[in-house]
Amino acid sequence: MSRLTITLDDNLHRAIKETAARQGRSIGQIIEESLRLRGIKSMESARELVARARSQARYDEKMAIRLATEETRAHRAQ
């Protein structure tokens, strides 16, 4: 597992510490969950999504990429 150092606004840092304590989780777990909810994925995951879209819908590559992009944007907009 990789380590990362970030700089946060004091109020945000306090809020995330309180949330982690209240939920009995680590700050890292809270941040990881937030990134996943924002749709942050590796290129490998994106490629897998495109491959699944192609195989299930039988779209050509251009259409599969468009579908994957639309789905990702829709998920991030939630």
N, C-alpha and C. Protein backbone atom coordinates (compact mmCIF):
# COMPACT_ATOMS: atom_id res chain seq x y z
N MET A 1 0.85 -1.17 0.00
CA MET A 1 0.00 0.00 0.00
C MET A 1 0.90 1.24 0.00
N SER A 2 0.52 2.22 -0.78
CA SER A 2 1.30 3.45 -0.90
C SER A 2 0.91 4.44 0.18
N ARG A 3 1.85 5.35 0.46
CA ARG A 3 1.60 6.42 1.43
C ARG A 3 1.55 7.73 0.67
N LEU A 4 0.77 8.67 1.20
CA LEU A 4 0.59 9.96 0.55
C LEU A 4 0.50 11.04 1.62
N THR A 5 1.17 12.15 1.38
CA THR A 5 1.07 13.31 2.29
C THR A 5 0.28 14.39 1.56
N ILE A 6 -0.74 14.93 2.23
CA ILE A 6 -1.55 15.99 1.64
C ILE A 6 -1.68 17.15 2.62
N THR A 7 -2.00 18.30 2.09
CA THR A 7 -2.26 19.48 2.91
C THR A 7 -3.75 19.78 2.82
N LEU A 8 -4.40 19.88 3.99
CA LEU A 8 -5.83 20.16 4.05
C LEU A 8 -6.09 21.44 4.82
N ASP A 9 -7.18 22.09 4.48
CA ASP A 9 -7.67 23.21 5.26
C ASP A 9 -7.92 22.72 6.69
N ASP A 10 -7.62 23.54 7.69
CA ASP A 10 -7.77 23.13 9.09
C ASP A 10 -9.18 22.63 9.42
N ASN A 11 -10.19 23.32 8.90
CA ASN A 11 -11.57 22.91 9.18
C ASN A 11 -11.89 21.56 8.56
N LEU A 12 -11.40 21.32 7.35
CA LEU A 12 -11.61 20.04 6.70
C LEU A 12 -10.88 18.92 7.44
N HIS A 13 -9.67 19.21 7.88
CA HIS A 13 -8.91 18.21 8.64
C HIS A 13 -9.62 17.85 9.94
N ARG A 14 -10.12 18.85 10.62
CA ARG A 14 -10.86 18.60 11.86
C ARG A 14 -12.12 17.76 11.58
N ALA A 15 -12.81 18.12 10.50
CA ALA A 15 -14.04 17.40 10.15
C ALA A 15 -13.76 15.94 9.81
N ILE A 16 -12.70 15.69 9.07
CA ILE A 16 -12.40 14.30 8.70
C ILE A 16 -11.94 13.50 9.91
N LYS A 17 -11.21 14.14 10.82
CA LYS A 17 -10.81 13.45 12.06
C LYS A 17 -12.03 13.10 12.90
N GLU A 18 -12.96 14.03 13.01
CA GLU A 18 -14.18 13.78 13.79
C GLU A 18 -15.01 12.67 13.14
N THR A 19 -15.12 12.71 11.83
CA THR A 19 -15.88 11.68 11.11
C THR A 19 -15.26 10.30 11.32
N ALA A 20 -13.94 10.23 11.20
CA ALA A 20 -13.25 8.95 11.38
C ALA A 20 -13.46 8.42 12.80
N ALA A 21 -13.35 9.29 13.78
CA ALA A 21 -13.54 8.87 15.18
C ALA A 21 -14.98 8.42 15.42
N ARG A 22 -15.92 9.17 14.91
CA ARG A 22 -17.35 8.86 15.08
C ARG A 22 -17.71 7.52 14.44
N GLN A 23 -17.10 7.23 13.29
CA GLN A 23 -17.40 6.01 12.57
C GLN A 23 -16.48 4.84 12.93
N GLY A 24 -15.49 5.11 13.77
CA GLY A 24 -14.56 4.05 14.16
C GLY A 24 -13.70 3.57 13.00
N ARG A 25 -13.36 4.50 12.11
CA ARG A 25 -12.54 4.17 10.94
C ARG A 25 -11.33 5.10 10.90
N SER A 26 -10.38 4.75 10.06
CA SER A 26 -9.20 5.61 9.92
C SER A 26 -9.47 6.74 8.92
N ILE A 27 -8.67 7.78 9.01
CA ILE A 27 -8.77 8.88 8.04
C ILE A 27 -8.52 8.34 6.64
N GLY A 28 -7.55 7.44 6.50
CA GLY A 28 -7.25 6.84 5.20
C GLY A 28 -8.45 6.12 4.61
N GLN A 29 -9.19 5.40 5.45
CA GLN A 29 -10.38 4.70 4.97
C GLN A 29 -11.44 5.68 4.48
N ILE A 30 -11.60 6.78 5.20
CA ILE A 30 -12.58 7.80 4.80
C ILE A 30 -12.18 8.40 3.45
N ILE A 31 -10.90 8.71 3.29
CA ILE A 31 -10.42 9.30 2.04
C ILE A 31 -10.56 8.31 0.88
N GLU A 32 -10.18 7.04 1.10
CA GLU A 32 -10.30 6.03 0.04
C GLU A 32 -11.76 5.89 -0.41
N GLU A 33 -12.68 5.83 0.55
CA GLU A 33 -14.09 5.71 0.21
C GLU A 33 -14.54 6.93 -0.60
N SER A 34 -14.11 8.12 -0.20
CA SER A 34 -14.48 9.34 -0.92
C SER A 34 -13.98 9.31 -2.36
N LEU A 35 -12.76 8.84 -2.56
CA LEU A 35 -12.22 8.75 -3.92
C LEU A 35 -13.00 7.75 -4.76
N ARG A 36 -13.34 6.62 -4.17
CA ARG A 36 -14.13 5.63 -4.91
C ARG A 36 -15.51 6.19 -5.28
N LEU A 37 -16.13 6.91 -4.34
CA LEU A 37 -17.44 7.49 -4.61
C LEU A 37 -17.38 8.55 -5.71
N ARG A 38 -16.24 9.20 -5.86
CA ARG A 38 -16.06 10.19 -6.92
C ARG A 38 -15.75 9.54 -8.25
N GLY A 39 -15.61 8.21 -8.26
CA GLY A 39 -15.36 7.52 -9.51
C GLY A 39 -13.90 7.47 -9.92
N ILE A 40 -13.00 7.72 -8.97
CA ILE A 40 -11.57 7.68 -9.28
C ILE A 40 -11.17 6.21 -9.47
N LYS A 41 -10.68 5.91 -10.66
CA LYS A 41 -10.30 4.53 -11.00
C LYS A 41 -9.01 4.54 -11.79
N SER A 42 -8.34 3.41 -11.77
CA SER A 42 -7.12 3.27 -12.55
C SER A 42 -7.46 3.12 -14.03
N MET A 43 -6.48 3.32 -14.89
CA MET A 43 -6.69 3.11 -16.33
C MET A 43 -7.08 1.66 -16.59
N GLU A 44 -6.52 0.74 -15.83
CA GLU A 44 -6.86 -0.67 -16.01
C GLU A 44 -8.35 -0.90 -15.76
N SER A 45 -8.89 -0.28 -14.71
CA SER A 45 -10.32 -0.40 -14.44
C SER A 45 -11.16 0.19 -15.56
N ALA A 46 -10.70 1.31 -16.09
CA ALA A 46 -11.43 1.95 -17.20
C ALA A 46 -11.41 1.05 -18.43
N ARG A 47 -10.27 0.43 -18.70
CA ARG A 47 -10.17 -0.47 -19.85
C ARG A 47 -11.09 -1.67 -19.67
N GLU A 48 -11.15 -2.20 -18.44
CA GLU A 48 -12.04 -3.33 -18.17
C GLU A 48 -13.50 -2.94 -18.40
N LEU A 49 -13.85 -1.72 -18.00
CA LEU A 49 -15.21 -1.23 -18.23
C LEU A 49 -15.52 -1.17 -19.73
N VAL A 50 -14.59 -0.68 -20.51
CA VAL A 50 -14.77 -0.60 -21.95
C VAL A 50 -14.91 -2.01 -22.54
N ALA A 51 -14.06 -2.93 -22.10
CA ALA A 51 -14.11 -4.30 -22.61
C ALA A 51 -15.46 -4.95 -22.28
N ARG A 52 -15.96 -4.73 -21.06
CA ARG A 52 -17.27 -5.29 -20.68
C ARG A 52 -18.38 -4.69 -21.52
N ALA A 53 -18.31 -3.38 -21.73
CA ALA A 53 -19.34 -2.72 -22.54
C ALA A 53 -19.34 -3.29 -23.96
N ARG A 54 -18.14 -3.51 -24.50
CA ARG A 54 -18.05 -4.07 -25.85
C ARG A 54 -18.63 -5.46 -25.94
N SER A 55 -18.24 -6.32 -24.99
CA SER A 55 -18.66 -7.71 -25.07
C SER A 55 -20.15 -7.88 -24.80
N GLN A 56 -20.69 -7.09 -23.91
CA GLN A 56 -22.10 -7.24 -23.55
C GLN A 56 -23.03 -6.56 -24.55
N ALA A 57 -22.63 -5.44 -25.08
CA ALA A 57 -23.51 -4.68 -25.96
C ALA A 57 -23.16 -4.85 -27.43
N ARG A 58 -22.02 -5.45 -27.67
CA ARG A 58 -21.55 -5.68 -29.04
C ARG A 58 -21.37 -4.36 -29.82
N TYR A 59 -20.94 -3.31 -29.10
CA TYR A 59 -20.65 -2.04 -29.75
C TYR A 59 -19.25 -2.07 -30.33
N ASP A 60 -19.00 -1.24 -31.32
CA ASP A 60 -17.64 -1.09 -31.80
C ASP A 60 -16.84 -0.28 -30.77
N GLU A 61 -15.54 -0.19 -30.95
CA GLU A 61 -14.67 0.46 -29.96
C GLU A 61 -15.08 1.91 -29.69
N LYS A 62 -15.38 2.65 -30.72
CA LYS A 62 -15.74 4.06 -30.56
C LYS A 62 -17.01 4.21 -29.70
N MET A 63 -18.00 3.39 -29.97
CA MET A 63 -19.25 3.46 -29.22
C MET A 63 -19.04 3.00 -27.77
N ALA A 64 -18.22 1.97 -27.57
CA ALA A 64 -17.96 1.48 -26.22
C ALA A 64 -17.25 2.54 -25.38
N ILE A 65 -16.30 3.23 -25.98
CA ILE A 65 -15.59 4.29 -25.25
C ILE A 65 -16.54 5.43 -24.91
N ARG A 66 -17.40 5.78 -25.86
CA ARG A 66 -18.38 6.84 -25.60
C ARG A 66 -19.31 6.45 -24.46
N LEU A 67 -19.79 5.21 -24.47
CA LEU A 67 -20.66 4.73 -23.41
C LEU A 67 -19.95 4.76 -22.05
N ALA A 68 -18.72 4.27 -22.02
CA ALA A 68 -17.96 4.26 -20.77
C ALA A 68 -17.75 5.68 -20.24
N THR A 69 -17.46 6.60 -21.12
CA THR A 69 -17.25 8.00 -20.73
C THR A 69 -18.54 8.59 -20.16
N GLU A 70 -19.65 8.34 -20.84
CA GLU A 70 -20.94 8.85 -20.36
C GLU A 70 -21.29 8.27 -19.00
N GLU A 71 -21.08 6.98 -18.83
CA GLU A 71 -21.39 6.33 -17.55
C GLU A 71 -20.50 6.88 -16.43
N THR A 72 -19.24 7.09 -16.73
CA THR A 72 -18.32 7.62 -15.72
C THR A 72 -18.73 9.03 -15.32
N ARG A 73 -19.05 9.86 -16.29
CA ARG A 73 -19.47 11.24 -16.00
C ARG A 73 -20.77 11.26 -15.22
N ALA A 74 -21.70 10.39 -15.57
CA ALA A 74 -22.98 10.32 -14.85
C ALA A 74 -22.75 9.91 -13.40
N HIS A 75 -21.87 8.95 -13.20
CA HIS A 75 -21.57 8.49 -11.83
C HIS A 75 -20.92 9.60 -11.02
N ARG A 76 -19.99 10.32 -11.63
CA ARG A 76 -19.30 11.40 -10.92
C ARG A 76 -20.25 12.56 -10.60
N ALA A 77 -21.27 12.76 -11.40
CA ALA A 77 -22.21 13.86 -11.20
C ALA A 77 -23.16 13.62 -10.04
N GLN A 78 -23.25 12.39 -9.58
CA GLN A 78 -24.18 12.04 -8.49
C GLN A 78 -23.77 12.67 -7.19
